[in-house]
């Protein structure tokens, strides 16, 4: 085979070498956390730019336009992380953090 695939993917008869250049950004992924039913399912990646410089600039612009500190916490994440309302990295919480612990 032209591309490296896992044993599970070989058993599922994946054939990424047959994609040629007709499916740019398509890939397969396998690992311990990938369910057996998904190891042969293609995924798609997207380009952030024509080269590393353009990609880095596009990612930096996106991060500046959508900063993580501007987002609130959902109830589950807030309770799991035990966030404090004044935490500058997490922004304003959207839930009462004094609610009963998960249990």
Protein backbone atom coordinates (compact mmCIF):
# COMPACT_ATOMS: atom_id res chain seq x y z
CA UNK A 1 0.00 0.00 0.00
CA UNK A 2 1.22 3.50 -0.79
CA UNK A 3 0.10 5.03 2.55
CA UNK A 4 0.52 3.70 6.07
CA UNK A 5 -2.66 2.37 7.62
CA UNK A 6 -3.28 0.47 10.85
CA UNK A 7 -4.05 -3.24 11.05
CA UNK A 8 -7.70 -2.41 11.82
CA UNK A 9 -7.87 -0.18 8.78
CA UNK A 10 -6.33 -2.85 6.57
CA UNK A 11 -8.98 -5.32 7.80
CA UNK A 12 -11.63 -2.73 6.90
CA UNK A 13 -10.08 -2.57 3.40
CA UNK A 14 -9.44 1.18 3.37
CA UNK A 15 -7.72 2.40 0.23
CA UNK A 16 -6.52 6.00 0.64
CA UNK A 17 -4.02 5.46 -2.18
CA UNK A 18 -6.99 5.32 -4.55
CA UNK A 19 -8.06 8.83 -3.60
CA UNK A 20 -5.10 10.24 -5.56
CA UNK A 21 -5.44 14.04 -5.60
CA UNK A 22 -9.21 14.00 -6.07
CA UNK A 23 -9.90 14.46 -2.34
CA UNK A 24 -7.51 17.09 -0.95
CA UNK A 25 -7.38 17.23 2.82
CA UNK A 26 -8.83 13.73 3.26
CA UNK A 27 -7.14 11.46 5.77
CA UNK A 28 -7.67 8.48 8.04
CA UNK A 29 -7.00 8.39 11.77
CA UNK A 30 -6.61 5.46 14.11
CA UNK A 31 -5.48 5.17 17.70
CA UNK A 32 -6.46 3.83 21.10
CA UNK A 33 -9.35 6.26 21.53
CA UNK A 34 -10.82 5.75 18.04
CA UNK A 35 -13.84 3.46 18.11
CA UNK A 36 -13.60 0.41 15.82
CA UNK A 37 -16.63 1.65 13.88
CA UNK A 38 -14.84 4.91 13.05
CA UNK A 39 -11.28 3.80 12.24
CA UNK A 40 -12.07 3.43 8.53
CA UNK A 41 -14.10 6.63 8.22
CA UNK A 42 -12.28 9.38 6.29
CA UNK A 43 -11.85 12.77 7.89
CA UNK A 44 -11.14 16.10 6.24
CA UNK A 45 -8.59 18.72 7.15
CA UNK A 46 -8.57 22.29 5.95
CA UNK A 47 -5.72 24.55 4.97
CA UNK A 48 -5.19 27.79 6.87
CA UNK A 49 -2.92 29.09 4.12
CA UNK A 50 -0.72 28.31 1.14
CA UNK A 51 2.39 28.08 3.33
CA UNK A 52 3.37 28.16 7.02
CA UNK A 53 3.65 31.94 7.13
CA UNK A 54 0.15 32.45 5.71
CA UNK A 55 -1.30 29.70 7.92
CA UNK A 56 0.27 31.18 11.07
CA UNK A 57 -1.03 34.65 10.17
CA UNK A 58 -4.54 33.30 9.54
CA UNK A 59 -4.57 31.38 12.82
CA UNK A 60 -3.29 34.40 14.75
CA UNK A 61 -5.99 36.60 13.19
CA UNK A 62 -8.67 34.05 14.07
CA UNK A 63 -7.41 33.79 17.67
CA UNK A 64 -7.42 37.60 17.96
CA UNK A 65 -10.96 37.83 16.58
CA UNK A 66 -12.31 35.07 18.85
CA UNK A 67 -10.31 35.17 22.11
CA UNK A 68 -10.96 32.43 24.63
CA UNK A 69 -11.29 34.97 27.46
CA UNK A 70 -14.38 36.39 25.74
CA UNK A 71 -16.23 33.10 26.08
CA UNK A 72 -18.24 32.11 29.12
CA UNK A 73 -18.21 28.68 30.67
CA UNK A 74 -21.03 26.23 30.15
CA UNK A 75 -22.51 24.73 33.31
CA UNK A 76 -20.85 21.33 33.02
CA UNK A 77 -17.38 22.71 32.30
CA UNK A 78 -17.67 25.28 35.08
CA UNK A 79 -18.69 22.66 37.62
CA UNK A 80 -16.01 20.21 36.51
CA UNK A 81 -13.24 22.78 36.53
CA UNK A 82 -14.44 24.55 39.70
CA UNK A 83 -13.83 27.88 37.99
CA UNK A 84 -13.74 31.07 39.99
CA UNK A 85 -15.74 34.07 38.72
CA UNK A 86 -12.63 36.30 38.69
CA UNK A 87 -10.50 33.89 36.65
CA UNK A 88 -9.16 36.04 33.75
CA UNK A 89 -8.40 32.99 31.61
CA UNK A 90 -11.98 31.79 31.61
CA UNK A 91 -14.01 34.95 31.27
CA UNK A 92 -17.26 35.51 33.07
CA UNK A 93 -19.00 32.31 34.13
CA UNK A 94 -22.46 31.71 32.76
CA UNK A 95 -23.59 29.61 35.73
CA UNK A 96 -23.76 29.78 39.50
CA UNK A 97 -20.50 28.19 40.60
CA UNK A 98 -21.83 27.68 44.11
CA UNK A 99 -24.27 25.00 42.95
CA UNK A 100 -24.06 21.48 44.31
CA UNK A 101 -21.07 19.43 43.12
CA UNK A 102 -21.48 16.84 40.42
CA UNK A 103 -22.22 13.54 41.84
